[in-house]
Amino acid sequence: MGAQMLAAALPRFLRRNEALIEYRESGLMRHCRLAPHVYACFAGNAVIFLDTKTSLYFALGGAQARVLRACAASESSVADESVARDVASDQLLREVTQLLQQRHLLASDVSTGKAIVPTSIPSAQSVLLREHLAGRPPVRLHHIINFLWACGRAAFSLRACSLDQTLRRLRARQRGGVHVDVDRSRALLRVFFRLRPFVFSAHKACLFDSLALTEFMARYDIHATWAIGVRTNPFKAHCWVQQATYVLNDNVENVRLFTPIVAA
């Protein structure tokens, strides 16, 4: 019985992998490389792109999204029947490639491009400190100076720099590695929460709030992850700060609604 099942499944397995090999070797796949400043993720049934030079999002759905999922699956050596069906449609892949090229989302030089691989960060598990429990920690002069510096740096970055420039700066700062000191991070977060109402409101300002918090922590050599995520139906983008599996300025339930598209 086992031998009969194996014999029946073998032709199907071979057809599926022949389609994958043919797709990998096609010129279309080699040219489907994102520009260095472009990021993508799979959210719901769509593929969402973020151009960090223009701060614009772009989405593909339906068959176009499926063919890009097939592209990503082939990069990780994962193939199934849906992959084999989608990659067989050269015309559809050609249309998707042309569409992405028109929007300047693909690398002009494939050697500098990157595969469509979603951003991965640790799954949020807990909140480092809930704001209403922050209390009234002692605030020193260096806290005030570093808080104001962080707010100014964040404001300058969002007004005068592209997201691409900001991401590259944050990543360069983290090349030495990220050290997680939970107690020290929690103490600084309490100070940040106490000072924040005197300068700005975090309501509908998640991008600025998160960048200011990241900059504030960095002044004390504590590096956290500045993450941007998206969701669909309806489309919405959100930004938060995370340190390992701890969320610093949001709650776990809300963060899990979003698929990370870029992080630094």
C-alpha atoms as a PDB file:
ATOM      1  CA  MET A   1       0.000   0.000   0.000  1.00  0.00           C
ATOM      2  CA  GLY A   2       2.798   2.415   0.926  1.00  0.00           C
ATOM      3  CA  ALA A   3       4.679   1.679  -2.305  1.00  0.00           C
ATOM      4  CA  GLN A   4       1.547   2.344  -4.378  1.00  0.00           C
ATOM      5  CA  MET A   5       0.981   5.698  -2.668  1.00  0.00           C
ATOM      6  CA  LEU A   6       4.608   6.675  -3.243  1.00  0.00           C
ATOM      7  CA  ALA A   7       4.405   5.714  -6.908  1.00  0.00           C
ATOM      8  CA  ALA A   8       1.261   7.802  -7.341  1.00  0.00           C
ATOM      9  CA  ALA A   9       2.753  10.841  -5.602  1.00  0.00           C
ATOM     10  CA  LEU A  10       6.133  10.800  -7.409  1.00  0.00           C
ATOM     11  CA  PRO A  11       4.971  12.192 -10.787  1.00  0.00           C
ATOM     12  CA  ARG A  12       3.115  14.971  -9.003  1.00  0.00           C
ATOM     13  CA  PHE A  13       6.218  15.828  -6.948  1.00  0.00           C
ATOM     14  CA  LEU A  14       8.403  15.873 -10.057  1.00  0.00           C
ATOM     15  CA  ARG A  15       6.010  18.138 -11.985  1.00  0.00           C
ATOM     16  CA  ARG A  16       5.844  20.569  -9.073  1.00  0.00           C
ATOM     17  CA  ASN A  17       9.616  20.836  -8.721  1.00  0.00           C
ATOM     18  CA  GLU A  18      10.192  21.042 -12.479  1.00  0.00           C
ATOM     19  CA  ALA A  19       7.931  24.105 -12.501  1.00  0.00           C
ATOM     20  CA  LEU A  20       9.904  25.614  -9.615  1.00  0.00           C
ATOM     21  CA  ILE A  21      13.276  24.967 -11.287  1.00  0.00           C
ATOM     22  CA  GLU A  22      12.027  26.450 -14.551  1.00  0.00           C
ATOM     23  CA  TYR A  23      10.819  29.530 -12.665  1.00  0.00           C
ATOM     24  CA  ARG A  24      14.111  29.975 -10.802  1.00  0.00           C
ATOM     25  CA  GLU A  25      16.081  29.828 -14.034  1.00  0.00           C
ATOM     26  CA  SER A  26      13.832  32.240 -15.920  1.00  0.00           C
ATOM     27  CA  GLY A  27      15.082  35.733 -16.695  1.00  0.00           C
ATOM     28  CA  LEU A  28      11.933  37.168 -15.165  1.00  0.00           C
ATOM     29  CA  MET A  29      12.726  35.884 -11.720  1.00  0.00           C
ATOM     30  CA  ARG A  30      16.284  37.168 -11.864  1.00  0.00           C
ATOM     31  CA  HIS A  31      14.943  40.645 -12.631  1.00  0.00           C
ATOM     32  CA  CYS A  32      12.342  40.580  -9.853  1.00  0.00           C
ATOM     33  CA  ARG A  33      14.680  42.155  -7.300  1.00  0.00           C
ATOM     34  CA  LEU A  34      13.627  44.965  -5.000  1.00  0.00           C
ATOM     35  CA  ALA A  35      15.603  48.190  -4.891  1.00  0.00           C
ATOM     36  CA  PRO A  36      17.694  48.503  -1.700  1.00  0.00           C
ATOM     37  CA  HIS A  37      15.371  51.185  -0.321  1.00  0.00           C
ATOM     38  CA  VAL A  38      12.169  49.195  -0.934  1.00  0.00           C
ATOM     39  CA  TYR A  39      10.631  46.754   1.539  1.00  0.00           C
ATOM     40  CA  ALA A  40       7.728  44.343   1.221  1.00  0.00           C
ATOM     41  CA  CYS A  41       5.550  42.152   3.379  1.00  0.00           C
ATOM     42  CA  PHE A  42       2.606  39.794   2.995  1.00  0.00           C
ATOM     43  CA  ALA A  43      -0.439  41.175   4.816  1.00  0.00           C
ATOM     44  CA  GLY A  44      -3.695  39.286   4.419  1.00  0.00           C
ATOM     45  CA  ASN A  45      -4.064  38.395   0.736  1.00  0.00           C
ATOM     46  CA  ALA A  46      -1.982  41.347  -0.413  1.00  0.00           C
ATOM     47  CA  VAL A  47       1.666  42.194  -0.913  1.00  0.00           C
ATOM     48  CA  ILE A  48       2.479  45.630   0.490  1.00  0.00           C
ATOM     49  CA  PHE A  49       5.519  47.641  -0.610  1.00  0.00           C
ATOM     50  CA  LEU A  50       7.119  50.621   1.132  1.00  0.00           C
ATOM     51  CA  ASP A  51       9.441  52.949  -0.757  1.00  0.00           C
ATOM     52  CA  THR A  52      11.511  54.500   2.027  1.00  0.00           C
ATOM     53  CA  LYS A  53      12.827  57.252  -0.244  1.00  0.00           C
ATOM     54  CA  THR A  54       9.349  58.618  -0.939  1.00  0.00           C
ATOM     55  CA  SER A  55       7.497  57.185   2.120  1.00  0.00           C
ATOM     56  CA  LEU A  56       4.830  55.830  -0.239  1.00  0.00           C
ATOM     57  CA  TYR A  57       3.053  52.488   0.052  1.00  0.00           C
ATOM     58  CA  PHE A  58       1.893  50.342  -2.835  1.00  0.00           C
ATOM     59  CA  ALA A  59      -0.200  47.172  -2.729  1.00  0.00           C
ATOM     60  CA  LEU A  60      -0.889  44.248  -5.046  1.00  0.00           C
ATOM     61  CA  GLY A  61      -3.664  41.728  -4.546  1.00  0.00           C
ATOM     62  CA  GLY A  62      -5.303  38.792  -6.273  1.00  0.00           C
ATOM     63  CA  ALA A  63      -3.308  36.870  -8.857  1.00  0.00           C
ATOM     64  CA  GLN A  64      -0.575  39.513  -8.849  1.00  0.00           C
ATOM     65  CA  ALA A  65       0.007  38.993  -5.135  1.00  0.00           C
ATOM     66  CA  ARG A  66       0.014  35.209  -5.573  1.00  0.00           C
ATOM     67  CA  VAL A  67       2.722  35.316  -8.208  1.00  0.00           C
ATOM     68  CA  LEU A  68       4.915  37.421  -5.896  1.00  0.00           C
ATOM     69  CA  ARG A  69       4.280  35.015  -3.038  1.00  0.00           C
ATOM     70  CA  ALA A  70       5.460  32.306  -5.416  1.00  0.00           C
ATOM     71  CA  CYS A  71       8.611  34.311  -6.055  1.00  0.00           C
ATOM     72  CA  ALA A  72       9.306  34.561  -2.323  1.00  0.00           C
ATOM     73  CA  ALA A  73       8.485  30.876  -1.785  1.00  0.00           C
ATOM     74  CA  SER A  74      10.924  29.819  -4.482  1.00  0.00           C
ATOM     75  CA  GLU A  75      13.680  31.864  -2.835  1.00  0.00           C
ATOM     76  CA  SER A  76      13.252  29.804   0.332  1.00  0.00           C
ATOM     77  CA  SER A  77      13.016  26.494  -1.540  1.00  0.00           C
ATOM     78  CA  VAL A  78       9.353  26.090  -0.618  1.00  0.00           C
ATOM     79  CA  ALA A  79       7.063  24.876  -3.356  1.00  0.00           C
ATOM     80  CA  ASP A  80       3.488  23.681  -3.503  1.00  0.00           C
ATOM     81  CA  GLU A  81       0.783  23.304  -6.134  1.00  0.00           C
ATOM     82  CA  SER A  82      -0.220  26.972  -5.959  1.00  0.00           C
ATOM     83  CA  VAL A  83       3.424  27.952  -6.607  1.00  0.00           C
ATOM     84  CA  ALA A  84       3.601  25.666  -9.611  1.00  0.00           C
ATOM     85  CA  ARG A  85       0.379  27.106 -11.011  1.00  0.00           C
ATOM     86  CA  ASP A  86       1.362  30.735 -10.524  1.00  0.00           C
ATOM     87  CA  VAL A  87       4.929  30.505 -11.822  1.00  0.00           C
ATOM     88  CA  ALA A  88       3.641  28.878 -14.959  1.00  0.00           C
ATOM     89  CA  SER A  89       1.988  32.180 -15.870  1.00  0.00           C
ATOM     90  CA  ASP A  90       4.918  33.992 -17.471  1.00  0.00           C
ATOM     91  CA  GLN A  91       2.613  36.675 -18.824  1.00  0.00           C
ATOM     92  CA  LEU A  92       1.301  37.551 -15.370  1.00  0.00           C
ATOM     93  CA  LEU A  93       4.800  37.664 -13.890  1.00  0.00           C
ATOM     94  CA  ARG A  94       5.922  39.884 -16.744  1.00  0.00           C
ATOM     95  CA  GLU A  95       3.025  42.265 -16.077  1.00  0.00           C
ATOM     96  CA  VAL A  96       3.817  42.415 -12.362  1.00  0.00           C
ATOM     97  CA  THR A  97       7.500  43.046 -13.045  1.00  0.00           C
ATOM     98  CA  GLN A  98       6.690  45.880 -15.456  1.00  0.00           C
ATOM     99  CA  LEU A  99       4.262  47.408 -12.969  1.00  0.00           C
ATOM    100  CA  LEU A 100       6.865  47.386 -10.201  1.00  0.00           C
ATOM    101  CA  GLN A 101       9.485  48.822 -12.559  1.00  0.00           C
ATOM    102  CA  GLN A 102       7.164  51.690 -13.483  1.00  0.00           C
ATOM    103  CA  ARG A 103       6.895  52.571  -9.806  1.00  0.00           C
ATOM    104  CA  HIS A 104      10.691  52.329  -9.366  1.00  0.00           C
ATOM    105  CA  LEU A 105      10.366  49.547  -6.806  1.00  0.00           C
ATOM    106  CA  LEU A 106      12.773  47.162  -8.527  1.00  0.00           C
ATOM    107  CA  ALA A 107      16.544  47.498  -8.656  1.00  0.00           C
ATOM    108  CA  SER A 108      17.886  48.946 -11.895  1.00  0.00           C
ATOM    109  CA  ASP A 109      20.941  46.733 -11.405  1.00  0.00           C
ATOM    110  CA  VAL A 110      19.940  43.221 -10.321  1.00  0.00           C
ATOM    111  CA  SER A 111      23.313  42.747  -8.622  1.00  0.00           C
ATOM    112  CA  THR A 112      22.342  45.395  -6.043  1.00  0.00           C
ATOM    113  CA  GLY A 113      18.756  44.203  -5.664  1.00  0.00           C
ATOM    114  CA  LYS A 114      17.295  41.941  -3.016  1.00  0.00           C
ATOM    115  CA  ALA A 115      14.781  39.136  -2.980  1.00  0.00           C
ATOM    116  CA  ILE A 116      11.228  39.714  -1.792  1.00  0.00           C
ATOM    117  CA  VAL A 117      11.789  38.510   1.755  1.00  0.00           C
ATOM    118  CA  PRO A 118       9.549  39.991   4.478  1.00  0.00           C
ATOM    119  CA  THR A 119      11.077  41.750   7.486  1.00  0.00           C
ATOM    120  CA  SER A 120      11.331  39.546  10.546  1.00  0.00           C
ATOM    121  CA  ILE A 121      11.430  40.735  14.162  1.00  0.00           C
ATOM    122  CA  PRO A 122      10.777  38.799  17.378  1.00  0.00           C
ATOM    123  CA  SER A 123       7.103  38.262  18.087  1.00  0.00           C
ATOM    124  CA  ALA A 124       5.815  40.673  20.747  1.00  0.00           C
ATOM    125  CA  GLN A 125       5.134  38.823  23.987  1.00  0.00           C
ATOM    126  CA  SER A 126       4.755  41.418  26.721  1.00  0.00           C
ATOM    127  CA  VAL A 127       4.733  45.135  27.516  1.00  0.00           C
ATOM    128  CA  LEU A 128       7.848  46.449  29.213  1.00  0.00           C
ATOM    129  CA  LEU A 129       5.915  49.077  31.191  1.00  0.00           C
ATOM    130  CA  ARG A 130       2.304  50.208  30.985  1.00  0.00           C
ATOM    131  CA  GLU A 131       2.155  54.000  30.862  1.00  0.00           C
ATOM    132  CA  HIS A 132      -0.450  54.351  33.600  1.00  0.00           C
ATOM    133  CA  LEU A 133       1.897  52.464  35.943  1.00  0.00           C
ATOM    134  CA  ALA A 134       4.899  54.679  35.206  1.00  0.00           C
ATOM    135  CA  GLY A 135       4.275  56.814  38.279  1.00  0.00           C
ATOM    136  CA  ARG A 136       6.396  59.893  39.006  1.00  0.00           C
ATOM    137  CA  PRO A 137      10.046  58.847  38.775  1.00  0.00           C
ATOM    138  CA  PRO A 138      12.780  61.319  39.717  1.00  0.00           C
ATOM    139  CA  VAL A 139      13.850  63.374  36.708  1.00  0.00           C
ATOM    140  CA  ARG A 140      17.432  64.628  36.514  1.00  0.00           C
ATOM    141  CA  LEU A 141      18.887  67.370  34.370  1.00  0.00           C
ATOM    142  CA  HIS A 142      20.525  64.846  32.023  1.00  0.00           C
ATOM    143  CA  HIS A 143      17.110  63.235  31.476  1.00  0.00           C
ATOM    144  CA  ILE A 144      15.612  66.537  30.363  1.00  0.00           C
ATOM    145  CA  ILE A 145      18.562  67.373  28.105  1.00  0.00           C
ATOM    146  CA  ASN A 146      18.547  63.934  26.452  1.00  0.00           C
ATOM    147  CA  PHE A 147      14.756  63.927  26.093  1.00  0.00           C
ATOM    148  CA  LEU A 148      14.742  67.304  24.345  1.00  0.00           C
ATOM    149  CA  TRP A 149      17.670  66.239  22.175  1.00  0.00           C
ATOM    150  CA  ALA A 150      15.816  63.056  21.196  1.00  0.00           C
ATOM    151  CA  CYS A 151      12.668  64.978  20.298  1.00  0.00           C
ATOM    152  CA  GLY A 152      14.660  67.440  18.225  1.00  0.00           C
ATOM    153  CA  ARG A 153      16.561  64.675  16.452  1.00  0.00           C
ATOM    154  CA  ALA A 154      13.347  62.828  15.677  1.00  0.00           C
ATOM    155  CA  ALA A 155      11.661  65.978  14.359  1.00  0.00           C
ATOM    156  CA  PHE A 156      14.650  66.794  12.157  1.00  0.00           C
ATOM    157  CA  SER A 157      14.809  63.244  10.789  1.00  0.00           C
ATOM    158  CA  LEU A 158      11.127  63.150   9.850  1.00  0.00           C
ATOM    159  CA  ARG A 159      11.143  66.601   8.288  1.00  0.00           C
ATOM    160  CA  ALA A 160      14.537  66.818   6.593  1.00  0.00           C
ATOM    161  CA  CYS A 161      15.524  63.190   5.947  1.00  0.00           C
ATOM    162  CA  SER A 162      13.958  60.318   4.082  1.00  0.00           C
ATOM    163  CA  LEU A 163      12.949  57.129   5.875  1.00  0.00           C
ATOM    164  CA  ASP A 164      15.782  55.447   3.998  1.00  0.00           C
ATOM    165  CA  GLN A 165      18.348  57.826   5.500  1.00  0.00           C
ATOM    166  CA  THR A 166      16.877  57.422   8.976  1.00  0.00           C
ATOM    167  CA  LEU A 167      16.870  53.626   8.747  1.00  0.00           C
ATOM    168  CA  ARG A 168      20.492  53.545   7.574  1.00  0.00           C
ATOM    169  CA  ARG A 169      21.520  55.810  10.456  1.00  0.00           C
ATOM    170  CA  LEU A 170      19.725  53.660  13.040  1.00  0.00           C
ATOM    171  CA  ARG A 171      21.211  50.458  11.653  1.00  0.00           C
ATOM    172  CA  ALA A 172      24.713  51.886  11.618  1.00  0.00           C
ATOM    173  CA  ARG A 173      24.305  52.719  15.292  1.00  0.00           C
ATOM    174  CA  GLN A 174      23.309  49.146  16.109  1.00  0.00           C
ATOM    175  CA  ARG A 175      26.192  47.390  14.387  1.00  0.00           C
ATOM    176  CA  GLY A 176      27.784  46.730  17.735  1.00  0.00           C
ATOM    177  CA  GLY A 177      24.801  44.601  18.726  1.00  0.00           C
ATOM    178  CA  VAL A 178      21.719  45.162  20.851  1.00  0.00           C
ATOM    179  CA  HIS A 179      22.094  44.675  24.586  1.00  0.00           C
ATOM    180  CA  VAL A 180      18.853  44.146  26.519  1.00  0.00           C
ATOM    181  CA  ASP A 181      18.875  45.525  30.056  1.00  0.00           C
ATOM    182  CA  VAL A 182      15.246  45.208  31.132  1.00  0.00           C
ATOM    183  CA  ASP A 183      15.531  47.033  34.466  1.00  0.00           C
ATOM    184  CA  ARG A 184      17.457  49.974  33.037  1.00  0.00           C
ATOM    185  CA  SER A 185      15.164  50.198  30.010  1.00  0.00           C
ATOM    186  CA  ARG A 186      12.092  50.200  32.243  1.00  0.00           C
ATOM    187  CA  ALA A 187      13.549  52.971  34.426  1.00  0.00           C
ATOM    188  CA  LEU A 188      14.273  55.165  31.391  1.00  0.00           C
ATOM    189  CA  LEU A 189      10.867  54.443  29.918  1.00  0.00           C
ATOM    190  CA  ARG A 190       9.248  55.709  33.110  1.00  0.00           C
ATOM    191  CA  VAL A 191      11.176  58.973  32.708  1.00  0.00           C
ATOM    192  CA  PHE A 192      10.183  59.219  29.025  1.00  0.00           C
ATOM    193  CA  PHE A 193       6.497  58.723  29.869  1.00  0.00           C
ATOM    194  CA  ARG A 194       6.686  61.395  32.568  1.00  0.00           C
ATOM    195  CA  LEU A 195       8.347  63.994  30.333  1.00  0.00           C
ATOM    196  CA  ARG A 196       6.360  63.321  27.166  1.00  0.00           C
ATOM    197  CA  PRO A 197       3.122  65.205  28.085  1.00  0.00           C
ATOM    198  CA  PHE A 198       5.110  68.413  28.595  1.00  0.00           C
ATOM    199  CA  VAL A 199       6.391  68.365  25.004  1.00  0.00           C
ATOM    200  CA  PHE A 200       4.015  66.419  22.725  1.00  0.00           C
ATOM    201  CA  SER A 201       1.085  64.040  22.593  1.00  0.00           C
ATOM    202  CA  ALA A 202       1.555  60.511  21.305  1.00  0.00           C
ATOM    203  CA  HIS A 203      -2.047  60.443  20.026  1.00  0.00           C
ATOM    204  CA  LYS A 204      -1.969  59.832  16.266  1.00  0.00           C
ATOM    205  CA  ALA A 205       1.782  60.471  16.312  1.00  0.00           C
ATOM    206  CA  CYS A 206       3.165  56.946  16.537  1.00  0.00           C
ATOM    207  CA  LEU A 207       5.976  57.600  14.044  1.00  0.00           C
ATOM    208  CA  PHE A 208       7.374  60.613  15.901  1.00  0.00           C
ATOM    209  CA  ASP A 209       6.748  59.109  19.348  1.00  0.00           C
ATOM    210  CA  SER A 210       8.529  55.884  18.439  1.00  0.00           C
ATOM    211  CA  LEU A 211      11.502  57.617  16.845  1.00  0.00           C
ATOM    212  CA  ALA A 212      11.859  60.015  19.778  1.00  0.00           C
ATOM    213  CA  LEU A 213      11.783  57.085  22.202  1.00  0.00           C
ATOM    214  CA  THR A 214      14.377  55.206  20.150  1.00  0.00           C
ATOM    215  CA  GLU A 215      16.641  58.261  20.145  1.00  0.00           C
ATOM    216  CA  PHE A 216      16.147  58.809  23.884  1.00  0.00           C
ATOM    217  CA  MET A 217      17.102  55.229  24.706  1.00  0.00           C
ATOM    218  CA  ALA A 218      20.133  55.431  22.439  1.00  0.00           C
ATOM    219  CA  ARG A 219      21.463  58.382  24.443  1.00  0.00           C
ATOM    220  CA  TYR A 220      21.960  55.855  27.235  1.00  0.00           C
ATOM    221  CA  ASP A 221      23.418  53.199  24.934  1.00  0.00           C
ATOM    222  CA  ILE A 222      20.208  51.194  24.976  1.00  0.00           C
ATOM    223  CA  HIS A 223      19.244  50.224  21.450  1.00  0.00           C
ATOM    224  CA  ALA A 224      15.675  49.272  20.692  1.00  0.00           C
ATOM    225  CA  THR A 225      13.988  48.316  17.417  1.00  0.00           C
ATOM    226  CA  TRP A 226      12.024  50.981  15.558  1.00  0.00           C
ATOM    227  CA  ALA A 227       9.364  48.990  13.703  1.00  0.00           C
ATOM    228  CA  ILE A 228       6.805  49.932  11.062  1.00  0.00           C
ATOM    229  CA  GLY A 229       3.973  47.544  10.288  1.00  0.00           C
ATOM    230  CA  VAL A 230       0.893  47.450   8.066  1.00  0.00           C
ATOM    231  CA  ARG A 231      -2.520  45.827   8.000  1.00  0.00           C
ATOM    232  CA  THR A 232      -5.262  45.543   5.381  1.00  0.00           C
ATOM    233  CA  ASN A 233      -9.071  45.794   5.236  1.00  0.00           C
ATOM    234  CA  PRO A 234      -8.802  48.702   5.721  1.00  0.00           C
ATOM    235  CA  PHE A 235      -5.196  49.604   5.083  1.00  0.00           C
ATOM    236  CA  LYS A 236      -3.389  51.128   8.029  1.00  0.00           C
ATOM    237  CA  ALA A 237       0.251  51.680   8.939  1.00  0.00           C
ATOM    238  CA  HIS A 238       1.596  51.836  12.474  1.00  0.00           C
ATOM    239  CA  CYS A 239       4.927  52.372  14.219  1.00  0.00           C
ATOM    240  CA  TRP A 240       6.144  51.129  17.585  1.00  0.00           C
ATOM    241  CA  VAL A 241       9.320  50.423  19.564  1.00  0.00           C
ATOM    242  CA  GLN A 242      10.317  46.950  20.583  1.00  0.00           C
ATOM    243  CA  GLN A 243      13.254  45.527  22.545  1.00  0.00           C
ATOM    244  CA  ALA A 244      13.557  41.791  21.930  1.00  0.00           C
ATOM    245  CA  THR A 245      10.024  40.517  22.693  1.00  0.00           C
ATOM    246  CA  TYR A 246       9.102  43.538  24.861  1.00  0.00           C
ATOM    247  CA  VAL A 247       6.894  46.314  23.461  1.00  0.00           C
ATOM    248  CA  LEU A 248       7.876  49.726  24.842  1.00  0.00           C
ATOM    249  CA  ASN A 249       5.205  52.188  23.716  1.00  0.00           C
ATOM    250  CA  ASP A 250       2.181  50.134  22.740  1.00  0.00           C
ATOM    251  CA  ASN A 251       0.288  47.032  23.805  1.00  0.00           C
ATOM    252  CA  VAL A 252       0.882  43.521  22.519  1.00  0.00           C
ATOM    253  CA  GLU A 253      -2.657  43.066  21.217  1.00  0.00           C
ATOM    254  CA  ASN A 254      -2.434  46.122  18.975  1.00  0.00           C
ATOM    255  CA  VAL A 255       1.073  45.374  17.697  1.00  0.00           C
ATOM    256  CA  ARG A 256       0.061  41.864  16.681  1.00  0.00           C
ATOM    257  CA  LEU A 257      -2.558  43.309  14.334  1.00  0.00           C
ATOM    258  CA  PHE A 258       0.250  44.619  12.124  1.00  0.00           C
ATOM    259  CA  THR A 259       2.709  42.801   9.899  1.00  0.00           C
ATOM    260  CA  PRO A 260       6.223  44.321  10.135  1.00  0.00           C
ATOM    261  CA  ILE A 261       7.371  45.774   6.830  1.00  0.00           C
ATOM    262  CA  VAL A 262      10.602  47.448   7.965  1.00  0.00           C
ATOM    263  CA  ALA A 263      12.565  47.682  11.202  1.00  0.00           C
ATOM    264  CA  ALA A 264      15.881  49.080  12.405  1.00  0.00           C
END
